[in-house]
Protein backbone atom coordinates (compact mmCIF):
# COMPACT_ATOMS: atom_id res chain seq x y z
CA PHE A 1 83.64 103.52 98.54
CA PHE A 2 80.39 103.59 96.58
CA PHE A 3 79.13 106.20 99.05
CA PHE A 4 82.25 108.33 98.67
CA PHE A 5 82.07 108.22 94.87
CA ALA A 6 78.38 109.12 95.12
CA VAL A 7 79.44 112.20 97.11
CA GLU A 8 82.00 112.99 94.41
CA LEU A 9 79.35 112.72 91.69
CA PHE A 10 76.84 114.77 93.65
CA VAL A 11 79.33 117.58 94.19
CA HIS A 12 80.19 117.82 90.51
CA LEU A 13 76.53 117.73 89.47
CA ASN A 14 75.45 120.30 92.06
CA GLU A 15 78.01 123.04 91.90
CA ASP A 16 75.32 125.58 92.72
CA VAL A 17 74.80 123.81 96.05
CA MET A 18 78.46 123.22 96.96
CA ALA A 19 80.09 125.96 94.97
CA THR A 20 83.57 126.27 96.43
CA PHE A 21 86.05 124.43 98.59
CA ASN A 22 85.82 127.20 101.20
CA SER A 23 82.11 126.80 101.86
CA LEU A 24 79.97 124.10 103.38
CA SER A 25 76.34 123.65 102.36
CA VAL A 26 73.50 122.08 104.31
CA THR A 27 73.93 119.03 102.10
CA GLY A 28 77.60 118.87 103.02
CA ALA A 29 76.75 119.15 106.70
CA LEU A 30 74.27 116.28 106.39
CA ILE A 31 76.97 114.17 104.74
CA LEU A 32 79.24 114.85 107.71
CA VAL A 33 76.47 113.91 110.13
CA GLY A 34 75.91 110.66 108.25
CA CYS A 35 79.61 109.78 108.23
CA GLY A 36 79.92 110.70 111.89
CA ALA A 37 76.90 108.53 112.73
CA LEU A 38 78.49 105.59 110.94
CA GLU A 39 81.67 106.10 112.97
CA GLY A 40 79.83 106.43 116.28
CA ALA A 41 77.78 103.31 115.62
CA ALA A 42 80.92 101.38 114.66
CA PHE A 43 82.65 102.42 117.89
CA TYR A 44 79.62 101.31 119.89
CA ALA A 45 79.15 98.03 118.03
CA ALA A 46 82.78 97.08 118.68
CA GLY A 47 82.38 97.68 122.43
CA ILE A 48 84.77 100.65 122.60
CA TYR A 49 82.29 102.65 124.70
CA ASP A 50 83.07 100.29 127.56
CA PRO A 51 85.67 102.34 129.51
CA GLU A 52 87.52 99.16 130.34
CA ALA A 53 88.24 98.64 126.62
CA ILE A 54 90.77 101.49 126.54
CA HIS A 55 92.02 101.00 130.10
CA SER A 56 92.69 97.28 129.57
CA GLN A 57 94.40 98.06 126.26
CA MET A 58 96.80 100.36 128.07
CA GLN A 59 97.46 97.50 130.50
CA MET A 60 98.05 95.24 127.48
CA ARG A 61 95.36 92.83 128.67
CA THR A 62 93.26 93.33 125.54
CA PHE A 63 94.07 94.52 122.02
CA ALA A 64 90.83 95.90 120.57
CA VAL A 65 92.03 99.51 120.57
CA LEU A 66 95.38 98.60 119.00
CA LYS A 67 93.62 96.70 116.20
CA LEU A 68 91.27 99.61 115.66
CA PHE A 69 94.11 102.14 115.60
CA ILE A 70 96.30 100.22 113.15
CA ALA A 71 93.40 99.61 110.76
CA GLY A 72 92.30 103.24 111.13
CA VAL A 73 95.70 104.61 110.18
CA GLY A 74 96.08 102.15 107.31
CA SER A 75 92.67 102.87 105.80
CA SER A 76 93.27 106.62 106.29
CA MET A 77 96.41 106.32 104.17
CA ILE A 78 94.43 104.67 101.39
CA ALA A 79 91.60 107.24 101.66
CA HIS A 80 94.17 110.04 101.49
CA ALA A 81 95.79 108.50 98.41
CA LEU A 82 92.37 108.28 96.77
CA LEU A 83 91.63 111.93 97.50
CA ASN A 84 95.09 112.92 96.33
CA LEU A 85 94.43 111.08 93.07
CA ILE A 86 91.02 112.73 92.57
CA ASP A 87 91.91 116.24 93.72
CA ALA A 88 95.51 116.83 94.75
CA LYS A 89 94.88 120.46 95.70
CA LYS A 90 92.21 119.57 98.23
CA PHE A 91 94.33 116.89 99.77
CA ALA A 92 97.35 119.17 100.00
CA ALA A 93 95.29 121.99 101.55
CA SER A 94 93.79 119.73 104.22
CA ARG A 95 97.13 118.02 104.87
CA ASN A 96 99.00 121.27 105.31
CA ILE A 97 96.72 122.24 108.20
CA GLY A 98 98.72 119.80 110.31
CA ALA A 99 102.09 121.25 109.32
CA ARG A 100 102.61 123.20 112.54
CA ASP A 101 105.80 124.96 113.57
CA MET A 102 106.15 123.40 116.99
CA SER A 103 108.71 121.36 118.90
CA PHE A 104 108.81 117.62 119.36
CA THR A 105 108.90 118.28 123.11
CA ARG A 106 105.58 120.10 123.08
CA VAL A 107 103.90 117.46 120.93
CA VAL A 108 105.23 114.54 122.95
CA CYS A 109 104.39 116.11 126.32
CA GLY A 110 100.88 117.00 125.17
CA CYS A 111 100.28 113.55 123.72
CA LEU A 112 101.56 111.89 126.89
CA LEU A 113 98.77 113.76 128.68
CA VAL A 114 96.27 112.62 126.05
CA GLY A 115 97.18 108.98 126.65
CA SER A 116 97.15 109.47 130.40
CA GLY A 117 93.68 111.02 130.27
CA MET A 118 92.43 108.14 128.15
CA ALA A 119 93.74 105.58 130.65
CA ILE A 120 92.16 107.50 133.54
CA SER A 121 88.73 108.03 131.99
CA GLY A 122 88.52 105.04 129.61
CA PHE A 123 87.52 107.29 126.71
CA GLY A 124 89.16 109.24 123.90
CA PRO A 125 88.06 112.69 122.64
CA THR A 126 85.87 111.35 119.83
CA LEU A 127 83.98 109.23 122.36
CA PHE A 128 83.25 111.97 124.91
CA PRO A 129 79.89 113.27 123.56
CA GLY A 130 78.59 109.75 122.91
CA ALA A 131 79.70 108.60 126.36
CA ALA A 132 77.67 111.40 127.92
CA ILE A 133 74.45 109.97 126.49
CA SER A 134 75.11 106.22 126.32
CA VAL A 135 77.19 105.42 129.40
CA GLN A 136 75.94 105.80 132.95
CA GLY A 137 77.96 108.58 134.53
CA GLY A 138 79.57 109.42 131.20
CA TRP A 139 78.51 113.06 131.49
CA ALA A 140 81.48 113.70 133.82
CA VAL A 141 84.09 112.95 131.17
CA LEU A 142 82.49 115.42 128.74
CA VAL A 143 82.31 118.11 131.44
CA GLY A 144 85.98 117.48 132.22
CA ALA A 145 86.87 117.69 128.52
CA LEU A 146 85.11 121.05 128.14
CA ALA A 147 86.83 122.29 131.30
CA GLY A 148 90.19 121.25 129.84
CA ALA A 149 89.38 123.12 126.63
CA ALA A 150 88.39 126.22 128.63
CA VAL A 151 91.62 126.17 130.66
CA TYR A 152 93.69 125.88 127.50
CA ALA A 153 91.76 128.77 125.95
CA LEU A 154 92.54 130.86 129.04
CA MET A 155 96.22 129.92 128.72
CA GLU A 156 96.14 131.21 125.14
CA LYS A 157 94.36 134.39 126.19
CA VAL A 158 96.99 135.32 128.78
CA ASN A 159 99.80 134.26 126.43
CA ALA A 160 100.89 131.42 128.70
CA ILE A 161 101.20 129.26 125.61
CA ARG A 162 101.67 130.30 122.01
CA ILE A 163 99.45 129.48 119.05
CA CYS A 164 101.66 127.51 116.69
CA PRO A 165 101.78 128.89 113.14
CA LEU A 166 101.94 126.76 110.01
CA GLN A 167 105.34 125.82 108.64
CA GLN A 168 106.54 124.88 105.19
CA PRO A 169 104.97 121.50 104.30
CA GLN A 170 108.29 120.26 102.90
CA LYS A 171 109.66 120.19 106.46
CA ALA A 172 106.69 118.47 108.06
CA PHE A 173 106.16 115.21 106.19
CA VAL A 174 108.36 112.14 105.93
CA ASP A 175 107.55 111.46 102.28
CA THR A 176 108.55 114.96 101.14
CA LEU A 177 111.69 114.95 103.29
CA MET A 178 112.77 111.63 101.77
CA GLY A 179 111.55 112.32 98.24
CA TYR A 180 108.95 109.53 98.11
CA ASN A 181 105.67 109.62 96.18
CA TYR A 182 102.87 109.94 98.76
CA ASN A 183 100.35 107.74 96.95
CA VAL A 184 102.78 104.85 96.46
CA LEU A 185 103.99 105.00 100.06
CA ALA A 186 100.47 105.43 101.48
CA VAL A 187 98.91 102.53 99.58
CA ALA A 188 101.81 100.20 100.42
CA ALA A 189 101.99 101.15 104.10
CA GLY A 190 98.20 101.28 104.44
CA THR A 191 97.77 97.79 103.03
CA VAL A 192 100.42 96.42 105.38
CA MET A 193 98.80 98.08 108.41
CA ILE A 194 95.32 96.79 107.61
CA ALA A 195 96.73 93.30 107.10
CA ALA A 196 98.59 93.62 110.42
CA SER A 197 95.36 94.57 112.19
CA PHE A 198 93.59 91.46 110.94
CA GLY A 199 96.70 89.44 111.75
CA ILE A 200 96.49 90.55 115.37
CA GLU A 201 92.80 89.63 115.26
CA ARG A 202 93.74 86.07 114.34
CA LEU A 203 96.28 85.88 117.14
CA TRP A 204 94.03 87.54 119.71
CA PRO A 205 90.35 87.33 118.66
CA HIS A 206 87.87 90.01 119.63
CA GLU A 207 85.88 87.35 121.45
CA ALA A 208 88.85 86.85 123.79
CA ASP A 209 88.89 90.58 124.52
CA LEU A 210 85.20 90.52 125.39
CA GLU A 211 85.72 87.63 127.76
CA THR A 212 88.63 89.44 129.41
CA LEU A 213 86.47 92.53 129.85
CA GLY A 214 83.65 90.49 131.30
CA SER A 215 81.34 91.62 128.51
CA ARG A 216 79.55 88.36 127.80
CA SER A 217 77.98 90.15 124.92
CA ARG A 218 79.07 88.49 121.74
CA PHE A 219 75.77 89.45 120.14
CA ALA A 220 75.97 93.04 121.36
CA TYR A 221 79.58 93.91 120.51
CA ASN A 222 80.39 91.59 117.64
CA LEU A 223 81.82 94.13 115.17
CA LEU A 224 85.53 93.49 114.83
CA PRO A 225 87.64 96.50 115.90
CA SER A 226 89.56 96.23 112.63
CA PHE A 227 86.35 97.03 110.72
CA THR A 228 85.67 99.96 113.05
CA GLY A 229 89.15 101.25 112.24
CA ILE A 230 88.45 100.97 108.53
CA VAL A 231 85.25 103.02 108.95
CA ILE A 232 87.21 105.69 110.84
CA GLY A 233 89.93 105.77 108.22
CA LEU A 234 87.65 105.95 105.20
CA ASN A 235 85.76 108.83 106.86
CA GLN A 236 88.85 110.92 106.15
CA PHE A 237 87.72 111.13 102.54
CA PRO A 238 84.35 112.90 102.96
CA LEU A 239 85.59 115.11 105.80
CA ARG A 240 88.48 116.38 103.72
CA TYR A 241 86.57 116.51 100.45
CA VAL A 242 83.41 118.16 101.75
CA ALA A 243 84.87 120.44 104.44
CA GLY A 244 88.55 120.59 103.53
CA LEU A 245 89.62 119.67 107.06
CA ARG A 246 91.28 116.83 108.94
CA SER A 247 89.44 114.96 111.65
CA GLY A 248 89.93 116.51 115.09
CA ALA A 249 87.72 115.72 118.06
CA SER A 250 89.43 118.05 120.55
CA THR A 251 88.81 120.93 118.13
CA SER A 252 85.07 120.39 118.60
CA MET A 253 85.52 120.97 122.35
CA MET A 254 87.20 124.27 121.55
CA ASN A 255 84.29 125.10 119.25
CA VAL A 256 81.89 124.73 122.17
CA VAL A 257 83.98 126.81 124.56
CA SER A 258 84.58 129.59 122.04
CA THR A 259 80.99 129.80 120.84
CA CYS A 260 79.53 129.70 124.37
CA THR A 261 81.78 132.63 125.33
CA ASN A 262 80.93 134.46 122.09
CA GLY A 263 84.55 134.30 121.03
CA ALA A 264 85.98 135.78 124.25
CA LEU A 265 87.97 132.55 124.58
CA SER A 266 89.82 131.12 121.57
CA PRO A 267 88.05 133.32 118.97
CA ARG A 268 89.59 131.32 116.10
CA HIS A 269 87.38 128.37 117.10
CA LYS A 270 84.09 130.27 117.26
CA MET A 271 81.38 128.69 115.10
CA THR A 272 80.11 131.35 112.72
CA SER A 273 79.16 129.17 109.75
CA LEU A 274 78.63 125.55 108.80
CA LEU A 275 82.24 125.36 107.66
CA THR A 276 83.67 126.58 110.97
CA ALA A 277 81.29 124.21 112.78
CA CYS A 278 82.15 121.12 110.72
CA GLN A 279 84.18 119.40 113.47
CA PHE A 280 81.36 120.02 115.94
CA ILE A 281 78.82 118.74 113.42
CA PHE A 282 80.81 115.56 112.84
CA VAL A 283 81.62 114.76 116.50
CA PHE A 284 78.72 116.14 118.53
CA GLY A 285 76.11 115.68 115.82
CA GLY A 286 77.21 112.65 113.84
CA THR A 287 78.94 110.32 116.29
CA THR A 288 76.35 111.04 118.99
CA LEU A 289 73.54 110.18 116.58
CA GLY A 290 75.31 106.94 115.66
CA VAL A 291 75.71 105.97 119.31
CA LEU A 292 72.05 106.71 120.00
CA LEU A 293 70.91 104.56 117.10
CA ALA A 294 73.29 101.70 117.88
CA SER A 295 72.49 101.63 121.59
CA GLN A 296 68.76 101.72 120.93
CA ALA A 297 69.07 98.90 118.43
CA LEU A 298 70.88 96.77 121.00
CA LEU A 299 68.28 97.55 123.67
CA ASN A 300 65.49 96.57 121.28
CA HIS A 301 67.36 93.38 120.43
CA HIS A 302 67.77 92.36 124.05
CA HIS A 303 64.38 93.74 125.20
CA HIS A 304 65.92 94.78 128.52
CA GLN A 305 68.79 96.83 129.89
CA ASP A 306 71.44 94.20 130.47
CA SER A 307 74.69 95.23 132.10
CA HIS A 308 76.52 94.39 128.91
CA VAL A 309 74.37 96.81 126.92
CA ILE A 310 74.32 99.75 129.34
CA LYS A 311 77.86 100.53 130.44
CA GLN A 312 78.99 102.26 133.63
CA ALA A 313 81.66 104.95 133.59
CA TYR A 314 84.29 105.24 136.27
CA SER A 315 83.59 107.55 139.22
CA PRO A 316 82.58 111.12 138.29
CA LEU A 317 85.83 112.49 139.74
CA ARG A 318 88.01 110.05 137.83
CA SER A 319 86.04 110.62 134.61
CA PHE A 320 86.26 114.39 135.00
CA ILE A 321 90.01 114.31 135.60
CA GLY A 322 90.54 111.98 132.65
CA GLY A 323 88.54 114.15 130.27
CA PHE A 324 90.24 117.30 131.54
CA VAL A 325 93.78 115.93 131.19
CA CYS A 326 93.05 114.40 127.80
CA VAL A 327 91.74 117.56 126.12
CA LEU A 328 94.25 119.87 127.80
CA GLY A 329 97.02 117.65 126.47
CA ALA A 330 95.42 117.49 123.04
CA ARG A 331 95.33 121.26 122.76
CA ILE A 332 98.92 121.61 123.96
CA ALA A 333 99.97 119.12 121.28
CA GLU A 334 97.62 120.67 118.67
CA GLY A 335 96.09 117.25 118.07
CA CYS A 336 94.56 114.24 119.77
CA THR A 337 93.97 110.61 118.82
CA CYS A 338 92.29 111.93 115.68
CA GLY A 339 94.52 114.85 114.73
CA HIS A 340 97.83 113.14 115.47
CA GLY A 341 96.96 109.49 115.92
CA ILE A 342 94.83 108.89 112.81
CA SER A 343 95.05 111.92 110.50
CA GLY A 344 98.62 113.03 111.13
CA PHE A 345 100.15 109.57 111.22
CA ALA A 346 98.46 108.73 107.91
CA GLU A 347 99.80 111.98 106.43
CA PHE A 348 103.33 110.86 107.44
CA ASN A 349 103.61 113.97 109.61
CA LYS A 350 106.80 113.41 111.60
CA LEU A 351 105.41 115.20 114.67
CA SER A 352 102.22 113.14 114.57
CA ILE A 353 104.09 109.84 114.35
CA ALA A 354 105.96 110.80 117.53
CA GLY A 355 102.69 112.01 119.05
CA ALA A 356 100.88 108.76 118.34
CA ALA A 357 103.63 106.80 120.06
CA ALA A 358 103.47 109.20 123.01
CA ILE A 359 99.70 108.70 123.35
CA PHE A 360 100.14 104.97 123.83
CA GLY A 361 103.20 105.56 126.02
CA GLY A 362 101.33 107.94 128.31
CA GLY A 363 98.38 105.57 128.53
CA ILE A 364 100.53 102.54 129.32
CA LEU A 365 102.52 104.39 132.01
CA THR A 366 99.36 105.72 133.65
CA ALA A 367 97.59 102.35 133.53
CA LEU A 368 100.44 100.86 135.58
CA PHE A 369 99.12 102.80 138.57
CA LEU A 370 95.35 102.31 138.03
């Protein structure tokens, strides 16, 4: 929180550097890289870059991902309430990005694919770039993710699927539909969810998860998933304040596809400025840097490449299919584990709440056969 308030102070004292909400300065980009690096390092330190962490969660053999998710949503709610208190217009503008005019069927079907892809590959969209550089064979899941993004962009180009427009915010969010004050509801629900995450930790300690996974690496992966979730949730504040956007890892895949094709595919995602590249900066720049630093620190600590420090991805074919299915589903649903699971759920977006449930449902159903 001290860091976030330092950002707030810096912005107000340097209005010539970060002049408007619709622009992103070099300083703002560096803030996003720093926050992304913190998130990537937290993921790595909690052992989530082990593909078995997600797969075993979907089999309900471990609970690290569930603890992370619950804490992430809860802390996102509190971060949103803080931003709403400081600058209600910025919060409303970033929140309304998720108010899409689309059907529950489309969201649920897309999110079922997201969960299925996660169970197949062992990674979620935010993890793909870091997996490519820190996990043996992890390159295949990133290639599959980019292929999924390219196929979706082609579907858009030939009008096989429509781009969903924004709808009136009053129809999108539970708190506005029911007449509740967002800040009161968010702080109350967020506190309960964070407490629930630590409650699950007491019932099923992270050490038990590591033993189930065979990662005899208590020194390597000793960051509690609940703390990782809190880092993810609090990162909502700088991303929304500095760039005016929600977190969205699958969007960064679209950024790559669009920019590499010079806008021939999905022109709305082409990176033409720091602002339009902010998701790419956060995911590909920030989280990847955090994973690099965290993995190197662990290697230096152990002085050798133990199996519990260097992880092995699933087969290239399985990883490719998982990444492909995950991102294709995320684009169909207009959101992934970040856009729907963390951001949207914490915004009380009714579509995102259904989508988050579908992600876990799709993962659990798929894991039954793997």
